[in-house]
Amino acid sequence: IANGGVRVDPNIIKGSATMADGTVVGTDTAKKERVVS
C-alpha cells in the first residue's frame, strides 16, 4: 500500500548472493507485482 499498490519483494542482501543450496537472492533479483491500483 505504501508503494502505490505495487508489491516489491523484501530483500536483505545488496546486489546478489548465492546460498548453499544454489538459490540466488538479493536486490538484483527482487521482483515487483501490481496488486491493487
All heavy atoms as atom14 arrays in JSON, in Angstrom:
{
  "sequence": "IANGGVRVDPNIIKGSATMADGTVVGTDTAKKERVVS",
  "atom14_mask": [
    [1, 1, 1, 1, 1, 1, 1, 1, 0, 0, 0, 0, 0, 0],
    [1, 1, 1, 1, 1, 0, 0, 0, 0, 0, 0, 0, 0, 0],
    [1, 1, 1, 1, 1, 1, 1, 1, 0, 0, 0, 0, 0, 0],
    [1, 1, 1, 1, 0, 0, 0, 0, 0, 0, 0, 0, 0, 0],
    [1, 1, 1, 1, 0, 0, 0, 0, 0, 0, 0, 0, 0, 0],
    [1, 1, 1, 1, 1, 1, 1, 0, 0, 0, 0, 0, 0, 0],
    [1, 1, 1, 1, 1, 1, 1, 1, 1, 1, 1, 0, 0, 0],
    [1, 1, 1, 1, 1, 1, 1, 0, 0, 0, 0, 0, 0, 0],
    [1, 1, 1, 1, 1, 1, 1, 1, 0, 0, 0, 0, 0, 0],
    [1, 1, 1, 1, 1, 1, 1, 0, 0, 0, 0, 0, 0, 0],
    [1, 1, 1, 1, 1, 1, 1, 1, 0, 0, 0, 0, 0, 0],
    [1, 1, 1, 1, 1, 1, 1, 1, 0, 0, 0, 0, 0, 0],
    [1, 1, 1, 1, 1, 1, 1, 1, 0, 0, 0, 0, 0, 0],
    [1, 1, 1, 1, 1, 1, 1, 1, 1, 0, 0, 0, 0, 0],
    [1, 1, 1, 1, 0, 0, 0, 0, 0, 0, 0, 0, 0, 0],
    [1, 1, 1, 1, 1, 1, 0, 0, 0, 0, 0, 0, 0, 0],
    [1, 1, 1, 1, 1, 0, 0, 0, 0, 0, 0, 0, 0, 0],
    [1, 1, 1, 1, 1, 1, 1, 0, 0, 0, 0, 0, 0, 0],
    [1, 1, 1, 1, 1, 1, 1, 1, 0, 0, 0, 0, 0, 0],
    [1, 1, 1, 1, 1, 0, 0, 0, 0, 0, 0, 0, 0, 0],
    [1, 1, 1, 1, 1, 1, 1, 1, 0, 0, 0, 0, 0, 0],
    [1, 1, 1, 1, 0, 0, 0, 0, 0, 0, 0, 0, 0, 0],
    [1, 1, 1, 1, 1, 1, 1, 0, 0, 0, 0, 0, 0, 0],
    [1, 1, 1, 1, 1, 1, 1, 0, 0, 0, 0, 0, 0, 0],
    [1, 1, 1, 1, 1, 1, 1, 0, 0, 0, 0, 0, 0, 0],
    [1, 1, 1, 1, 0, 0, 0, 0, 0, 0, 0, 0, 0, 0],
    [1, 1, 1, 1, 1, 1, 1, 0, 0, 0, 0, 0, 0, 0],
    [1, 1, 1, 1, 1, 1, 1, 1, 0, 0, 0, 0, 0, 0],
    [1, 1, 1, 1, 1, 1, 1, 0, 0, 0, 0, 0, 0, 0],
    [1, 1, 1, 1, 1, 0, 0, 0, 0, 0, 0, 0, 0, 0],
    [1, 1, 1, 1, 1, 1, 1, 1, 1, 0, 0, 0, 0, 0],
    [1, 1, 1, 1, 1, 1, 1, 1, 1, 0, 0, 0, 0, 0],
    [1, 1, 1, 1, 1, 1, 1, 1, 1, 0, 0, 0, 0, 0],
    [1, 1, 1, 1, 1, 1, 1, 1, 1, 1, 1, 0, 0, 0],
    [1, 1, 1, 1, 1, 1, 1, 0, 0, 0, 0, 0, 0, 0],
    [1, 1, 1, 1, 1, 1, 1, 0, 0, 0, 0, 0, 0, 0],
    [1, 1, 1, 1, 1, 1, 0, 0, 0, 0, 0, 0, 0, 0]
  ],
  "atom14_positions": [
    [[0.84, -1.19, 0.0], [0.0, 0.0, 0.0], [0.88, 1.25, 0.0], [0.61, 2.22, -0.73], [-0.96, 0.0, 1.21], [-1.78, -1.29, 1.24], [-1.85, 1.23, 1.19], [-2.57, -1.55, -0.02], [0.0, 0.0, 0.0], [0.0, 0.0, 0.0], [0.0, 0.0, 0.0], [0.0, 0.0, 0.0], [0.0, 0.0, 0.0], [0.0, 0.0, 0.0]],
    [[1.97, 1.23, 0.79], [2.89, 2.37, 0.82], [3.52, 2.61, -0.54], [3.82, 3.75, -0.91], [3.97, 2.13, 1.87], [0.0, 0.0, 0.0], [0.0, 0.0, 0.0], [0.0, 0.0, 0.0], [0.0, 0.0, 0.0], [0.0, 0.0, 0.0], [0.0, 0.0, 0.0], [0.0, 0.0, 0.0], [0.0, 0.0, 0.0], [0.0, 0.0, 0.0]],
    [[3.73, 1.54, -1.3], [4.41, 1.63, -2.59], [3.42, 1.79, -3.75], [3.7, 1.39, -4.87], [5.28, 0.38, -2.81], [6.31, 0.56, -3.9], [6.91, 1.62, -4.04], [6.5, -0.48, -4.71], [0.0, 0.0, 0.0], [0.0, 0.0, 0.0], [0.0, 0.0, 0.0], [0.0, 0.0, 0.0], [0.0, 0.0, 0.0], [0.0, 0.0, 0.0]],
    [[2.27, 2.38, -3.46], [1.32, 2.69, -4.51], [0.62, 1.5, -5.11], [0.18, 1.54, -6.26], [0.0, 0.0, 0.0], [0.0, 0.0, 0.0], [0.0, 0.0, 0.0], [0.0, 0.0, 0.0], [0.0, 0.0, 0.0], [0.0, 0.0, 0.0], [0.0, 0.0, 0.0], [0.0, 0.0, 0.0], [0.0, 0.0, 0.0], [0.0, 0.0, 0.0]],
    [[0.5, 0.4, -4.32], [-0.2, -0.78, -4.79], [0.68, -1.81, -5.45], [0.19, -2.85, -5.9], [0.0, 0.0, 0.0], [0.0, 0.0, 0.0], [0.0, 0.0, 0.0], [0.0, 0.0, 0.0], [0.0, 0.0, 0.0], [0.0, 0.0, 0.0], [0.0, 0.0, 0.0], [0.0, 0.0, 0.0], [0.0, 0.0, 0.0], [0.0, 0.0, 0.0]],
    [[1.99, -1.55, -5.53], [2.93, -2.48, -6.15], [3.72, -3.19, -5.06], [4.41, -2.55, -4.25], [3.9, -1.76, -7.1], [4.94, -2.73, -7.65], [3.14, -1.1, -8.23], [0.0, 0.0, 0.0], [0.0, 0.0, 0.0], [0.0, 0.0, 0.0], [0.0, 0.0, 0.0], [0.0, 0.0, 0.0], [0.0, 0.0, 0.0], [0.0, 0.0, 0.0]],
    [[3.59, -4.51, -5.03], [4.39, -5.28, -4.07], [5.79, -5.47, -4.63], [5.97, -5.9, -5.77], [3.78, -6.66, -3.8], [4.55, -7.45, -2.74], [4.02, -8.87, -2.59], [4.76, -9.59, -1.56], [5.93, -10.2, -1.75], [6.5, -10.18, -2.96], [6.54, -10.81, -0.75], [0.0, 0.0, 0.0], [0.0, 0.0, 0.0], [0.0, 0.0, 0.0]],
    [[6.8, -5.14, -3.82], [8.19, -5.38, -4.18], [8.73, -6.42, -3.22], [8.47, -6.36, -2.01], [9.02, -4.08, -4.15], [8.94, -3.4, -2.79], [10.46, -4.35, -4.54], [0.0, 0.0, 0.0], [0.0, 0.0, 0.0], [0.0, 0.0, 0.0], [0.0, 0.0, 0.0], [0.0, 0.0, 0.0], [0.0, 0.0, 0.0], [0.0, 0.0, 0.0]],
    [[9.44, -7.39, -3.73], [10.0, -8.44, -2.87], [10.85, -7.82, -1.78], [11.72, -6.98, -2.06], [10.87, -9.4, -3.68], [10.08, -10.32, -4.58], [8.87, -10.46, -4.34], [10.68, -10.92, -5.49], [0.0, 0.0, 0.0], [0.0, 0.0, 0.0], [0.0, 0.0, 0.0], [0.0, 0.0, 0.0], [0.0, 0.0, 0.0], [0.0, 0.0, 0.0]],
    [[10.65, -8.23, -0.53], [11.57, -7.78, 0.52], [12.92, -8.42, 0.28], [13.02, -9.53, -0.26], [10.92, -8.3, 1.81], [10.12, -9.48, 1.37], [9.63, -9.16, 0.0], [0.0, 0.0, 0.0], [0.0, 0.0, 0.0], [0.0, 0.0, 0.0], [0.0, 0.0, 0.0], [0.0, 0.0, 0.0], [0.0, 0.0, 0.0], [0.0, 0.0, 0.0]],
    [[13.98, -7.72, 0.63], [15.31, -8.29, 0.44], [16.26, -7.81, 1.51], [16.07, -6.74, 2.1], [15.85, -7.97, -0.96], [15.59, -6.53, -1.37], [16.27, -5.62, -0.92], [14.57, -6.31, -2.21], [0.0, 0.0, 0.0], [0.0, 0.0, 0.0], [0.0, 0.0, 0.0], [0.0, 0.0, 0.0], [0.0, 0.0, 0.0], [0.0, 0.0, 0.0]],
    [[17.27, -8.61, 1.77], [18.21, -8.31, 2.85], [19.66, -8.34, 2.39], [20.57, -8.05, 3.15], [17.98, -9.3, 4.02], [18.47, -8.7, 5.33], [18.64, -10.66, 3.74], [17.98, -9.44, 6.54], [0.0, 0.0, 0.0], [0.0, 0.0, 0.0], [0.0, 0.0, 0.0], [0.0, 0.0, 0.0], [0.0, 0.0, 0.0], [0.0, 0.0, 0.0]],
    [[19.89, -8.68, 1.1], [21.23, -8.74, 0.54], [21.35, -7.69, -0.55], [20.53, -7.64, -1.47], [21.53, -10.13, -0.05], [21.4, -11.22, 1.01], [22.92, -10.15, -0.69], [22.42, -11.14, 2.13], [0.0, 0.0, 0.0], [0.0, 0.0, 0.0], [0.0, 0.0, 0.0], [0.0, 0.0, 0.0], [0.0, 0.0, 0.0], [0.0, 0.0, 0.0]],
    [[22.37, -6.85, -0.47], [22.65, -5.87, -1.52], [23.27, -6.6, -2.71], [24.18, -7.4, -2.56], [23.63, -4.81, -1.02], [22.99, -3.71, -0.21], [22.39, -2.65, -1.13], [22.02, -1.39, -0.38], [21.42, -0.38, -1.27], [0.0, 0.0, 0.0], [0.0, 0.0, 0.0], [0.0, 0.0, 0.0], [0.0, 0.0, 0.0], [0.0, 0.0, 0.0]],
    [[22.78, -6.29, -3.9], [23.3, -6.97, -5.07], [22.72, -8.37, -5.15], [21.5, -8.55, -5.19], [0.0, 0.0, 0.0], [0.0, 0.0, 0.0], [0.0, 0.0, 0.0], [0.0, 0.0, 0.0], [0.0, 0.0, 0.0], [0.0, 0.0, 0.0], [0.0, 0.0, 0.0], [0.0, 0.0, 0.0], [0.0, 0.0, 0.0], [0.0, 0.0, 0.0]],
    [[23.58, -9.37, -5.14], [23.11, -10.75, -5.15], [24.12, -11.64, -4.45], [25.3, -11.3, -4.36], [22.88, -11.24, -6.59], [24.11, -11.27, -7.3], [0.0, 0.0, 0.0], [0.0, 0.0, 0.0], [0.0, 0.0, 0.0], [0.0, 0.0, 0.0], [0.0, 0.0, 0.0], [0.0, 0.0, 0.0], [0.0, 0.0, 0.0], [0.0, 0.0, 0.0]],
    [[23.63, -12.75, -3.95], [24.5, -13.73, -3.29], [23.86, -15.11, -3.46], [22.64, -15.23, -3.5], [24.67, -13.41, -1.8], [0.0, 0.0, 0.0], [0.0, 0.0, 0.0], [0.0, 0.0, 0.0], [0.0, 0.0, 0.0], [0.0, 0.0, 0.0], [0.0, 0.0, 0.0], [0.0, 0.0, 0.0], [0.0, 0.0, 0.0], [0.0, 0.0, 0.0]],
    [[24.71, -16.12, -3.54], [24.24, -17.49, -3.75], [24.28, -18.25, -2.44], [25.31, -18.31, -1.77], [25.11, -18.21, -4.78], [25.11, -17.45, -6.0], [24.57, -19.6, -5.06], [0.0, 0.0, 0.0], [0.0, 0.0, 0.0], [0.0, 0.0, 0.0], [0.0, 0.0, 0.0], [0.0, 0.0, 0.0], [0.0, 0.0, 0.0], [0.0, 0.0, 0.0]],
    [[23.14, -18.83, -2.07], [23.05, -19.62, -0.85], [23.68, -20.99, -1.07], [23.99, -21.38, -2.21], [21.59, -19.76, -0.43], [20.89, -18.44, -0.14], [19.14, -18.63, 0.27], [19.26, -19.48, 1.86], [0.0, 0.0, 0.0], [0.0, 0.0, 0.0], [0.0, 0.0, 0.0], [0.0, 0.0, 0.0], [0.0, 0.0, 0.0], [0.0, 0.0, 0.0]],
    [[23.85, -21.72, 0.03], [24.48, -23.03, -0.05], [23.71, -23.99, -0.94], [24.29, -24.89, -1.55], [24.63, -23.62, 1.36], [0.0, 0.0, 0.0], [0.0, 0.0, 0.0], [0.0, 0.0, 0.0], [0.0, 0.0, 0.0], [0.0, 0.0, 0.0], [0.0, 0.0, 0.0], [0.0, 0.0, 0.0], [0.0, 0.0, 0.0], [0.0, 0.0, 0.0]],
    [[22.37, -23.8, -1.05], [21.57, -24.7, -1.89], [21.49, -24.23, -3.34], [20.75, -24.81, -4.14], [20.16, -24.86, -1.31], [19.37, -23.54, -1.31], [19.9, -22.51, -1.78], [18.21, -23.55, -0.84], [0.0, 0.0, 0.0], [0.0, 0.0, 0.0], [0.0, 0.0, 0.0], [0.0, 0.0, 0.0], [0.0, 0.0, 0.0], [0.0, 0.0, 0.0]],
    [[22.23, -23.18, -3.68], [22.25, -22.69, -5.05], [21.28, -21.58, -5.36], [21.31, -21.01, -6.45], [0.0, 0.0, 0.0], [0.0, 0.0, 0.0], [0.0, 0.0, 0.0], [0.0, 0.0, 0.0], [0.0, 0.0, 0.0], [0.0, 0.0, 0.0], [0.0, 0.0, 0.0], [0.0, 0.0, 0.0], [0.0, 0.0, 0.0], [0.0, 0.0, 0.0]],
    [[20.42, -21.23, -4.4], [19.45, -20.16, -4.61], [20.14, -18.8, -4.62], [20.95, -18.5, -3.73], [18.37, -20.17, -3.51], [17.74, -21.45, -3.49], [17.33, -19.1, -3.76], [0.0, 0.0, 0.0], [0.0, 0.0, 0.0], [0.0, 0.0, 0.0], [0.0, 0.0, 0.0], [0.0, 0.0, 0.0], [0.0, 0.0, 0.0], [0.0, 0.0, 0.0]],
    [[19.83, -17.98, -5.61], [20.4, -16.64, -5.7], [19.38, -15.65, -5.16], [18.22, -15.64, -5.59], [20.77, -16.29, -7.15], [21.36, -14.88, -7.22], [21.76, -17.3, -7.71], [0.0, 0.0, 0.0], [0.0, 0.0, 0.0], [0.0, 0.0, 0.0], [0.0, 0.0, 0.0], [0.0, 0.0, 0.0], [0.0, 0.0, 0.0], [0.0, 0.0, 0.0]],
    [[19.8, -14.83, -4.2], [18.9, -13.85, -3.58], [19.57, -12.49, -3.58], [20.77, -12.37, -3.81], [18.54, -14.27, -2.14], [17.82, -15.6, -2.11], [19.8, -14.34, -1.26], [0.0, 0.0, 0.0], [0.0, 0.0, 0.0], [0.0, 0.0, 0.0], [0.0, 0.0, 0.0], [0.0, 0.0, 0.0], [0.0, 0.0, 0.0], [0.0, 0.0, 0.0]],
    [[18.77, -11.45, -3.32], [19.32, -10.11, -3.21], [18.54, -9.09, -4.0], [17.58, -9.41, -4.72], [0.0, 0.0, 0.0], [0.0, 0.0, 0.0], [0.0, 0.0, 0.0], [0.0, 0.0, 0.0], [0.0, 0.0, 0.0], [0.0, 0.0, 0.0], [0.0, 0.0, 0.0], [0.0, 0.0, 0.0], [0.0, 0.0, 0.0], [0.0, 0.0, 0.0]],
    [[18.94, -7.83, -3.88], [18.23, -6.75, -4.53], [18.23, -6.89, -6.05], [17.31, -6.44, -6.72], [18.85, -5.39, -4.15], [20.25, -5.42, -4.45], [18.67, -5.11, -2.66], [0.0, 0.0, 0.0], [0.0, 0.0, 0.0], [0.0, 0.0, 0.0], [0.0, 0.0, 0.0], [0.0, 0.0, 0.0], [0.0, 0.0, 0.0], [0.0, 0.0, 0.0]],
    [[19.27, -7.53, -6.6], [19.33, -7.7, -8.05], [18.26, -8.67, -8.56], [17.95, -8.68, -9.76], [20.71, -8.22, -8.47], [21.8, -7.17, -8.34], [21.45, -5.99, -8.11], [22.98, -7.53, -8.47], [0.0, 0.0, 0.0], [0.0, 0.0, 0.0], [0.0, 0.0, 0.0], [0.0, 0.0, 0.0], [0.0, 0.0, 0.0], [0.0, 0.0, 0.0]],
    [[17.73, -9.5, -7.67], [16.74, -10.5, -8.09], [15.32, -10.12, -7.67], [14.38, -10.88, -7.93], [17.08, -11.88, -7.49], [16.93, -11.84, -6.06], [18.51, -12.27, -7.82], [0.0, 0.0, 0.0], [0.0, 0.0, 0.0], [0.0, 0.0, 0.0], [0.0, 0.0, 0.0], [0.0, 0.0, 0.0], [0.0, 0.0, 0.0], [0.0, 0.0, 0.0]],
    [[15.15, -8.98, -6.98], [13.84, -8.6, -6.46], [12.85, -8.35, -7.61], [13.18, -7.74, -8.62], [13.95, -7.34, -5.6], [0.0, 0.0, 0.0], [0.0, 0.0, 0.0], [0.0, 0.0, 0.0], [0.0, 0.0, 0.0], [0.0, 0.0, 0.0], [0.0, 0.0, 0.0], [0.0, 0.0, 0.0], [0.0, 0.0, 0.0], [0.0, 0.0, 0.0]],
    [[11.62, -8.83, -7.41], [10.58, -8.67, -8.41], [9.48, -7.74, -7.89], [9.28, -7.61, -6.68], [9.98, -10.03, -8.77], [10.98, -10.99, -9.39], [10.34, -12.35, -9.66], [11.36, -13.32, -10.24], [10.77, -14.67, -10.46], [0.0, 0.0, 0.0], [0.0, 0.0, 0.0], [0.0, 0.0, 0.0], [0.0, 0.0, 0.0], [0.0, 0.0, 0.0]],
    [[8.76, -7.15, -8.8], [7.65, -6.27, -8.46], [6.37, -6.79, -9.13], [6.42, -7.34, -10.22], [7.92, -4.84, -8.92], [9.11, -4.18, -8.22], [9.28, -2.75, -8.69], [10.44, -2.07, -7.97], [10.61, -0.65, -8.39], [0.0, 0.0, 0.0], [0.0, 0.0, 0.0], [0.0, 0.0, 0.0], [0.0, 0.0, 0.0], [0.0, 0.0, 0.0]],
    [[5.25, -6.6, -8.44], [3.96, -7.01, -9.0], [2.88, -6.05, -8.51], [2.78, -5.78, -7.31], [3.6, -8.43, -8.56], [2.26, -8.9, -9.1], [1.86, -10.28, -8.6], [2.58, -10.84, -7.74], [0.81, -10.78, -9.05], [0.0, 0.0, 0.0], [0.0, 0.0, 0.0], [0.0, 0.0, 0.0], [0.0, 0.0, 0.0], [0.0, 0.0, 0.0]],
    [[2.1, -5.55, -9.45], [0.98, -4.69, -9.03], [-0.11, -5.56, -8.44], [-0.56, -6.53, -9.05], [0.42, -3.88, -10.2], [-0.79, -3.04, -9.77], [-1.06, -1.9, -10.7], [-0.03, -0.87, -10.7], [0.14, 0.05, -9.74], [-0.66, 0.04, -8.66], [1.09, 0.95, -9.84], [0.0, 0.0, 0.0], [0.0, 0.0, 0.0], [0.0, 0.0, 0.0]],
    [[-0.54, -5.2, -7.22], [-1.56, -5.95, -6.51], [-2.89, -5.22, -6.56], [-3.94, -5.8, -6.86], [-1.14, -6.21, -5.05], [-2.21, -7.0, -4.31], [0.19, -6.96, -5.01], [0.0, 0.0, 0.0], [0.0, 0.0, 0.0], [0.0, 0.0, 0.0], [0.0, 0.0, 0.0], [0.0, 0.0, 0.0], [0.0, 0.0, 0.0], [0.0, 0.0, 0.0]],
    [[-2.87, -3.94, -6.24], [-4.07, -3.1, -6.34], [-3.69, -1.83, -7.1], [-2.51, -1.5, -7.24], [-4.66, -2.74, -4.95], [-5.07, -4.0, -4.2], [-3.66, -1.93, -4.13], [0.0, 0.0, 0.0], [0.0, 0.0, 0.0], [0.0, 0.0, 0.0], [0.0, 0.0, 0.0], [0.0, 0.0, 0.0], [0.0, 0.0, 0.0], [0.0, 0.0, 0.0]],
    [[-4.68, -1.13, -7.56], [-4.42, 0.08, -8.33], [-3.81, 1.16, -7.45], [-3.93, 1.15, -6.22], [-5.71, 0.61, -8.94], [-6.58, 1.08, -7.92], [0.0, 0.0, 0.0], [0.0, 0.0, 0.0], [0.0, 0.0, 0.0], [0.0, 0.0, 0.0], [0.0, 0.0, 0.0], [0.0, 0.0, 0.0], [0.0, 0.0, 0.0], [0.0, 0.0, 0.0]]
  ]
}
